[in-house]
Amino acid sequence: MTQFLYDGKPLSKDYKAIDISWLKPTPNCKLCRPTDNYVCFDCEMKQVQSKTNAIYTDCCTWVERCTES
């Protein structure tokens, strides 16, 4: 199991990496490339933060706290 760091501090083990395969290039962005489905980091950040509660870790991974129901 991966230990994620945020601001240099370890996160609890209930954080899991999220799947970001749903991201789409923003049509009016000059950095995104729809031809090869590349999403620039600014657009990635906006999309992830608008749809999830994920945080971006020190090791460049989006993670979200998993809650058992």
PDB file of N, CA and C in Angstrom:
ATOM      1  N   MET A   1       0.841  -1.178   0.000  1.00  0.00           N
ATOM      2  CA  MET A   1       0.000   0.000   0.000  1.00  0.00           C
ATOM      3  C   MET A   1       0.887   1.243   0.000  1.00  0.00           C
ATOM      4  N   THR A   2       0.528   2.211  -0.814  1.00  0.00           N
ATOM      5  CA  THR A   2       1.296   3.445  -0.926  1.00  0.00           C
ATOM      6  C   THR A   2       0.970   4.391   0.215  1.00  0.00           C
ATOM      7  N   GLN A   3       2.010   4.980   0.794  1.00  0.00           N
ATOM      8  CA  GLN A   3       1.829   6.011   1.815  1.00  0.00           C
ATOM      9  C   GLN A   3       1.946   7.358   1.115  1.00  0.00           C
ATOM     10  N   PHE A   4       0.849   8.101   1.082  1.00  0.00           N
ATOM     11  CA  PHE A   4       0.842   9.398   0.416  1.00  0.00           C
ATOM     12  C   PHE A   4       1.243  10.492   1.388  1.00  0.00           C
ATOM     13  N   LEU A   5       1.969  11.497   0.870  1.00  0.00           N
ATOM     14  CA  LEU A   5       2.367  12.654   1.662  1.00  0.00           C
ATOM     15  C   LEU A   5       1.648  13.892   1.148  1.00  0.00           C
ATOM     16  N   TYR A   6       1.273  14.766   2.066  1.00  0.00           N
ATOM     17  CA  TYR A   6       0.657  16.041   1.721  1.00  0.00           C
ATOM     18  C   TYR A   6       1.336  17.104   2.570  1.00  0.00           C
ATOM     19  N   ASP A   7       1.950  18.077   1.920  1.00  0.00           N
ATOM     20  CA  ASP A   7       2.747  19.104   2.615  1.00  0.00           C
ATOM     21  C   ASP A   7       3.805  18.473   3.512  1.00  0.00           C
ATOM     22  N   GLY A   8       4.402  17.385   3.034  1.00  0.00           N
ATOM     23  CA  GLY A   8       5.480  16.724   3.758  1.00  0.00           C
ATOM     24  C   GLY A   8       5.039  15.831   4.899  1.00  0.00           C
ATOM     25  N   LYS A   9       3.742  15.717   5.131  1.00  0.00           N
ATOM     26  CA  LYS A   9       3.233  14.894   6.226  1.00  0.00           C
ATOM     27  C   LYS A   9       2.466  13.699   5.668  1.00  0.00           C
ATOM     28  N   PRO A  10       2.636  12.526   6.282  1.00  0.00           N
ATOM     29  CA  PRO A  10       1.913  11.347   5.782  1.00  0.00           C
ATOM     30  C   PRO A  10       0.406  11.476   6.012  1.00  0.00           C
ATOM     31  N   LEU A  11      -0.343  11.066   5.006  1.00  0.00           N
ATOM     32  CA  LEU A  11      -1.802  11.003   5.134  1.00  0.00           C
ATOM     33  C   LEU A  11      -2.178   9.667   5.764  1.00  0.00           C
ATOM     34  N   SER A  12      -3.334   9.624   6.379  1.00  0.00           N
ATOM     35  CA  SER A  12      -3.790   8.359   6.961  1.00  0.00           C
ATOM     36  C   SER A  12      -4.012   7.344   5.844  1.00  0.00           C
ATOM     37  N   LYS A  13      -4.039   6.090   6.219  1.00  0.00           N
ATOM     38  CA  LYS A  13      -4.132   5.010   5.237  1.00  0.00           C
ATOM     39  C   LYS A  13      -5.495   4.919   4.561  1.00  0.00           C
ATOM     40  N   ASP A  14      -6.469   5.730   4.995  1.00  0.00           N
ATOM     41  CA  ASP A  14      -7.778   5.677   4.354  1.00  0.00           C
ATOM     42  C   ASP A  14      -7.873   6.574   3.116  1.00  0.00           C
ATOM     43  N   TYR A  15      -6.752   7.126   2.656  1.00  0.00           N
ATOM     44  CA  TYR A  15      -6.723   7.876   1.397  1.00  0.00           C
ATOM     45  C   TYR A  15      -6.313   6.938   0.265  1.00  0.00           C
ATOM     46  N   LYS A  16      -7.053   6.999  -0.825  1.00  0.00           N
ATOM     47  CA  LYS A  16      -6.789   6.146  -1.986  1.00  0.00           C
ATOM     48  C   LYS A  16      -6.682   7.017  -3.231  1.00  0.00           C
ATOM     49  N   ALA A  17      -5.845   6.597  -4.174  1.00  0.00           N
ATOM     50  CA  ALA A  17      -5.715   7.301  -5.450  1.00  0.00           C
ATOM     51  C   ALA A  17      -7.035   7.205  -6.205  1.00  0.00           C
ATOM     52  N   ILE A  18      -7.389   8.283  -6.891  1.00  0.00           N
ATOM     53  CA  ILE A  18      -8.633   8.265  -7.664  1.00  0.00           C
ATOM     54  C   ILE A  18      -8.324   8.062  -9.144  1.00  0.00           C
ATOM     55  N   ASP A  19      -9.304   7.542  -9.860  1.00  0.00           N
ATOM     56  CA  ASP A  19      -9.214   7.352 -11.299  1.00  0.00           C
ATOM     57  C   ASP A  19      -9.573   8.676 -11.979  1.00  0.00           C
ATOM     58  N   ILE A  20      -8.672   9.207 -12.790  1.00  0.00           N
ATOM     59  CA  ILE A  20      -8.960  10.466 -13.483  1.00  0.00           C
ATOM     60  C   ILE A  20      -9.098  10.262 -14.990  1.00  0.00           C
ATOM     61  N   SER A  21      -9.412   9.058 -15.407  1.00  0.00           N
ATOM     62  CA  SER A  21      -9.547   8.772 -16.838  1.00  0.00           C
ATOM     63  C   SER A  21     -10.747   9.492 -17.460  1.00  0.00           C
ATOM     64  N   TRP A  22     -11.635  10.024 -16.636  1.00  0.00           N
ATOM     65  CA  TRP A  22     -12.819  10.735 -17.118  1.00  0.00           C
ATOM     66  C   TRP A  22     -12.516  12.178 -17.537  1.00  0.00           C
ATOM     67  N   LEU A  23     -11.310  12.672 -17.256  1.00  0.00           N
ATOM     68  CA  LEU A  23     -10.961  14.044 -17.614  1.00  0.00           C
ATOM     69  C   LEU A  23     -11.022  14.251 -19.125  1.00  0.00           C
ATOM     70  N   LYS A  24     -11.470  15.428 -19.539  1.00  0.00           N
ATOM     71  CA  LYS A  24     -11.561  15.773 -20.956  1.00  0.00           C
ATOM     72  C   LYS A  24     -10.826  17.083 -21.210  1.00  0.00           C
ATOM     73  N   PRO A  25     -10.157  17.205 -22.361  1.00  0.00           N
ATOM     74  CA  PRO A  25      -9.517  18.470 -22.707  1.00  0.00           C
ATOM     75  C   PRO A  25     -10.559  19.592 -22.778  1.00  0.00           C
ATOM     76  N   THR A  26     -10.202  20.770 -22.309  1.00  0.00           N
ATOM     77  CA  THR A  26     -11.098  21.919 -22.369  1.00  0.00           C
ATOM     78  C   THR A  26     -10.979  22.539 -23.764  1.00  0.00           C
ATOM     79  N   PRO A  27     -12.103  22.654 -24.488  1.00  0.00           N
ATOM     80  CA  PRO A  27     -12.053  23.109 -25.883  1.00  0.00           C
ATOM     81  C   PRO A  27     -11.391  24.479 -26.091  1.00  0.00           C
ATOM     82  N   ASN A  28     -11.614  25.425 -25.195  1.00  0.00           N
ATOM     83  CA  ASN A  28     -11.070  26.774 -25.413  1.00  0.00           C
ATOM     84  C   ASN A  28      -9.718  26.995 -24.734  1.00  0.00           C
ATOM     85  N   CYS A  29      -9.091  25.943 -24.248  1.00  0.00           N
ATOM     86  CA  CYS A  29      -7.784  26.060 -23.601  1.00  0.00           C
ATOM     87  C   CYS A  29      -6.686  25.900 -24.646  1.00  0.00           C
ATOM     88  N   LYS A  30      -5.709  26.796 -24.605  1.00  0.00           N
ATOM     89  CA  LYS A  30      -4.609  26.742 -25.578  1.00  0.00           C
ATOM     90  C   LYS A  30      -3.585  25.662 -25.243  1.00  0.00           C
ATOM     91  N   LEU A  31      -3.623  25.126 -24.019  1.00  0.00           N
ATOM     92  CA  LEU A  31      -2.647  24.110 -23.617  1.00  0.00           C
ATOM     93  C   LEU A  31      -3.173  22.686 -23.742  1.00  0.00           C
ATOM     94  N   CYS A  32      -4.481  22.493 -23.605  1.00  0.00           N
ATOM     95  CA  CYS A  32      -5.068  21.156 -23.782  1.00  0.00           C
ATOM     96  C   CYS A  32      -4.999  20.770 -25.258  1.00  0.00           C
ATOM     97  N   ARG A  33      -4.894  19.456 -25.519  1.00  0.00           N
ATOM     98  CA  ARG A  33      -4.837  18.963 -26.895  1.00  0.00           C
ATOM     99  C   ARG A  33      -5.910  17.905 -27.112  1.00  0.00           C
ATOM    100  N   PRO A  34      -7.044  18.284 -27.674  1.00  0.00           N
ATOM    101  CA  PRO A  34      -8.110  17.308 -27.923  1.00  0.00           C
ATOM    102  C   PRO A  34      -7.704  16.177 -28.874  1.00  0.00           C
ATOM    103  N   THR A  35      -6.730  16.426 -29.755  1.00  0.00           N
ATOM    104  CA  THR A  35      -6.343  15.400 -30.732  1.00  0.00           C
ATOM    105  C   THR A  35      -5.783  14.144 -30.080  1.00  0.00           C
ATOM    106  N   ASP A  36      -5.099  14.304 -28.934  1.00  0.00           N
ATOM    107  CA  ASP A  36      -4.594  13.117 -28.242  1.00  0.00           C
ATOM    108  C   ASP A  36      -5.095  13.032 -26.796  1.00  0.00           C
ATOM    109  N   ASN A  37      -6.183  13.760 -26.529  1.00  0.00           N
ATOM    110  CA  ASN A  37      -6.876  13.709 -25.237  1.00  0.00           C
ATOM    111  C   ASN A  37      -6.002  14.207 -24.069  1.00  0.00           C
ATOM    112  N   TYR A  38      -5.025  15.084 -24.360  1.00  0.00           N
ATOM    113  CA  TYR A  38      -4.169  15.643 -23.303  1.00  0.00           C
ATOM    114  C   TYR A  38      -4.909  16.763 -22.578  1.00  0.00           C
ATOM    115  N   VAL A  39      -4.909  16.700 -21.245  1.00  0.00           N
ATOM    116  CA  VAL A  39      -5.521  17.724 -20.401  1.00  0.00           C
ATOM    117  C   VAL A  39      -4.396  18.430 -19.646  1.00  0.00           C
ATOM    118  N   CYS A  40      -4.285  19.755 -19.814  1.00  0.00           N
ATOM    119  CA  CYS A  40      -3.241  20.487 -19.102  1.00  0.00           C
ATOM    120  C   CYS A  40      -3.532  20.463 -17.596  1.00  0.00           C
ATOM    121  N   PHE A  41      -2.516  20.742 -16.785  1.00  0.00           N
ATOM    122  CA  PHE A  41      -2.695  20.623 -15.346  1.00  0.00           C
ATOM    123  C   PHE A  41      -3.729  21.603 -14.800  1.00  0.00           C
ATOM    124  N   ASP A  42      -3.780  22.827 -15.323  1.00  0.00           N
ATOM    125  CA  ASP A  42      -4.777  23.789 -14.827  1.00  0.00           C
ATOM    126  C   ASP A  42      -6.196  23.267 -15.046  1.00  0.00           C
ATOM    127  N   CYS A  43      -6.462  22.729 -16.218  1.00  0.00           N
ATOM    128  CA  CYS A  43      -7.791  22.186 -16.505  1.00  0.00           C
ATOM    129  C   CYS A  43      -8.049  20.911 -15.703  1.00  0.00           C
ATOM    130  N   GLU A  44      -7.010  20.091 -15.542  1.00  0.00           N
ATOM    131  CA  GLU A  44      -7.132  18.890 -14.705  1.00  0.00           C
ATOM    132  C   GLU A  44      -7.539  19.287 -13.291  1.00  0.00           C
ATOM    133  N   MET A  45      -6.856  20.266 -12.731  1.00  0.00           N
ATOM    134  CA  MET A  45      -7.131  20.695 -11.369  1.00  0.00           C
ATOM    135  C   MET A  45      -8.564  21.217 -11.240  1.00  0.00           C
ATOM    136  N   LYS A  46      -9.000  22.039 -12.184  1.00  0.00           N
ATOM    137  CA  LYS A  46     -10.359  22.584 -12.138  1.00  0.00           C
ATOM    138  C   LYS A  46     -11.399  21.473 -12.217  1.00  0.00           C
ATOM    139  N   GLN A  47     -11.196  20.505 -13.130  1.00  0.00           N
ATOM    140  CA  GLN A  47     -12.170  19.421 -13.294  1.00  0.00           C
ATOM    141  C   GLN A  47     -12.222  18.522 -12.062  1.00  0.00           C
ATOM    142  N   VAL A  48     -11.055  18.148 -11.545  1.00  0.00           N
ATOM    143  CA  VAL A  48     -11.015  17.259 -10.374  1.00  0.00           C
ATOM    144  C   VAL A  48     -11.644  17.954  -9.167  1.00  0.00           C
ATOM    145  N   GLN A  49     -11.289  19.220  -8.933  1.00  0.00           N
ATOM    146  CA  GLN A  49     -11.807  19.922  -7.769  1.00  0.00           C
ATOM    147  C   GLN A  49     -13.294  20.247  -7.885  1.00  0.00           C
ATOM    148  N   SER A  50     -13.812  20.327  -9.101  1.00  0.00           N
ATOM    149  CA  SER A  50     -15.244  20.609  -9.248  1.00  0.00           C
ATOM    150  C   SER A  50     -16.106  19.354  -9.070  1.00  0.00           C
ATOM    151  N   LYS A  51     -15.513  18.165  -9.214  1.00  0.00           N
ATOM    152  CA  LYS A  51     -16.301  16.925  -9.146  1.00  0.00           C
ATOM    153  C   LYS A  51     -15.951  16.006  -7.979  1.00  0.00           C
ATOM    154  N   THR A  52     -14.855  16.294  -7.270  1.00  0.00           N
ATOM    155  CA  THR A  52     -14.435  15.416  -6.179  1.00  0.00           C
ATOM    156  C   THR A  52     -13.968  16.246  -4.986  1.00  0.00           C
ATOM    157  N   ASN A  53     -13.629  15.569  -3.926  1.00  0.00           N
ATOM    158  CA  ASN A  53     -13.005  16.193  -2.757  1.00  0.00           C
ATOM    159  C   ASN A  53     -11.530  15.796  -2.679  1.00  0.00           C
ATOM    160  N   ALA A  54     -10.970  15.424  -3.809  1.00  0.00           N
ATOM    161  CA  ALA A  54      -9.595  14.929  -3.850  1.00  0.00           C
ATOM    162  C   ALA A  54      -8.585  16.039  -3.569  1.00  0.00           C
ATOM    163  N   ILE A  55      -7.440  15.623  -3.070  1.00  0.00           N
ATOM    164  CA  ILE A  55      -6.315  16.535  -2.876  1.00  0.00           C
ATOM    165  C   ILE A  55      -5.139  16.018  -3.687  1.00  0.00           C
ATOM    166  N   TYR A  56      -4.239  16.923  -4.045  1.00  0.00           N
ATOM    167  CA  TYR A  56      -3.072  16.582  -4.853  1.00  0.00           C
ATOM    168  C   TYR A  56      -1.898  16.380  -3.912  1.00  0.00           C
ATOM    169  N   THR A  57      -1.333  15.195  -3.921  1.00  0.00           N
ATOM    170  CA  THR A  57      -0.279  14.854  -2.965  1.00  0.00           C
ATOM    171  C   THR A  57       1.086  15.334  -3.425  1.00  0.00           C
ATOM    172  N   ASP A  58       2.047  15.234  -2.520  1.00  0.00           N
ATOM    173  CA  ASP A  58       3.431  15.600  -2.823  1.00  0.00           C
ATOM    174  C   ASP A  58       4.014  14.739  -3.945  1.00  0.00           C
ATOM    175  N   CYS A  59       3.491  13.526  -4.118  1.00  0.00           N
ATOM    176  CA  CYS A  59       4.005  12.631  -5.168  1.00  0.00           C
ATOM    177  C   CYS A  59       3.151  12.711  -6.437  1.00  0.00           C
ATOM    178  N   CYS A  60       2.431  13.843  -6.594  1.00  0.00           N
ATOM    179  CA  CYS A  60       1.686  14.129  -7.830  1.00  0.00           C
ATOM    180  C   CYS A  60       0.558  13.140  -8.123  1.00  0.00           C
ATOM    181  N   THR A  61      -0.170  12.764  -7.097  1.00  0.00           N
ATOM    182  CA  THR A  61      -1.289  11.847  -7.229  1.00  0.00           C
ATOM    183  C   THR A  61      -2.526  12.471  -6.606  1.00  0.00           C
ATOM    184  N   TRP A  62      -3.663  12.388  -7.293  1.00  0.00           N
ATOM    185  CA  TRP A  62      -4.919  12.836  -6.706  1.00  0.00           C
ATOM    186  C   TRP A  62      -5.435  11.727  -5.802  1.00  0.00           C
ATOM    187  N   VAL A  63      -5.729  12.045  -4.539  1.00  0.00           N
ATOM    188  CA  VAL A  63      -6.245  11.055  -3.597  1.00  0.00           C
ATOM    189  C   VAL A  63      -7.501  11.603  -2.916  1.00  0.00           C
ATOM    190  N   GLU A  64      -8.324  10.672  -2.484  1.00  0.00           N
ATOM    191  CA  GLU A  64      -9.557  11.024  -1.797  1.00  0.00           C
ATOM    192  C   GLU A  64      -9.722  10.089  -0.609  1.00  0.00           C
ATOM    193  N   ARG A  65     -10.268  10.615   0.466  1.00  0.00           N
ATOM    194  CA  ARG A  65     -10.489   9.799   1.653  1.00  0.00           C
ATOM    195  C   ARG A  65     -11.625   8.807   1.358  1.00  0.00           C
ATOM    196  N   CYS A  66     -11.371   7.546   1.614  1.00  0.00           N
ATOM    197  CA  CYS A  66     -12.376   6.507   1.444  1.00  0.00           C
ATOM    198  C   CYS A  66     -13.119   6.345   2.747  1.00  0.00           C
ATOM    199  N   THR A  67     -14.418   6.273   2.643  1.00  0.00           N
ATOM    200  CA  THR A  67     -15.234   6.070   3.838  1.00  0.00           C
ATOM    201  C   THR A  67     -15.993   4.764   3.687  1.00  0.00           C
ATOM    202  N   GLU A  68     -15.907   3.964   4.679  1.00  0.00           N
ATOM    203  CA  GLU A  68     -16.636   2.694   4.696  1.00  0.00           C
ATOM    204  C   GLU A  68     -18.046   2.947   5.198  1.00  0.00           C
ATOM    205  N   SER A  69     -19.044   2.432   4.489  1.00  0.00           N
ATOM    206  CA  SER A  69     -20.438   2.630   4.908  1.00  0.00           C
ATOM    207  C   SER A  69     -20.998   1.361   5.496  1.00  0.00           C
TER     208      SER A  69
END
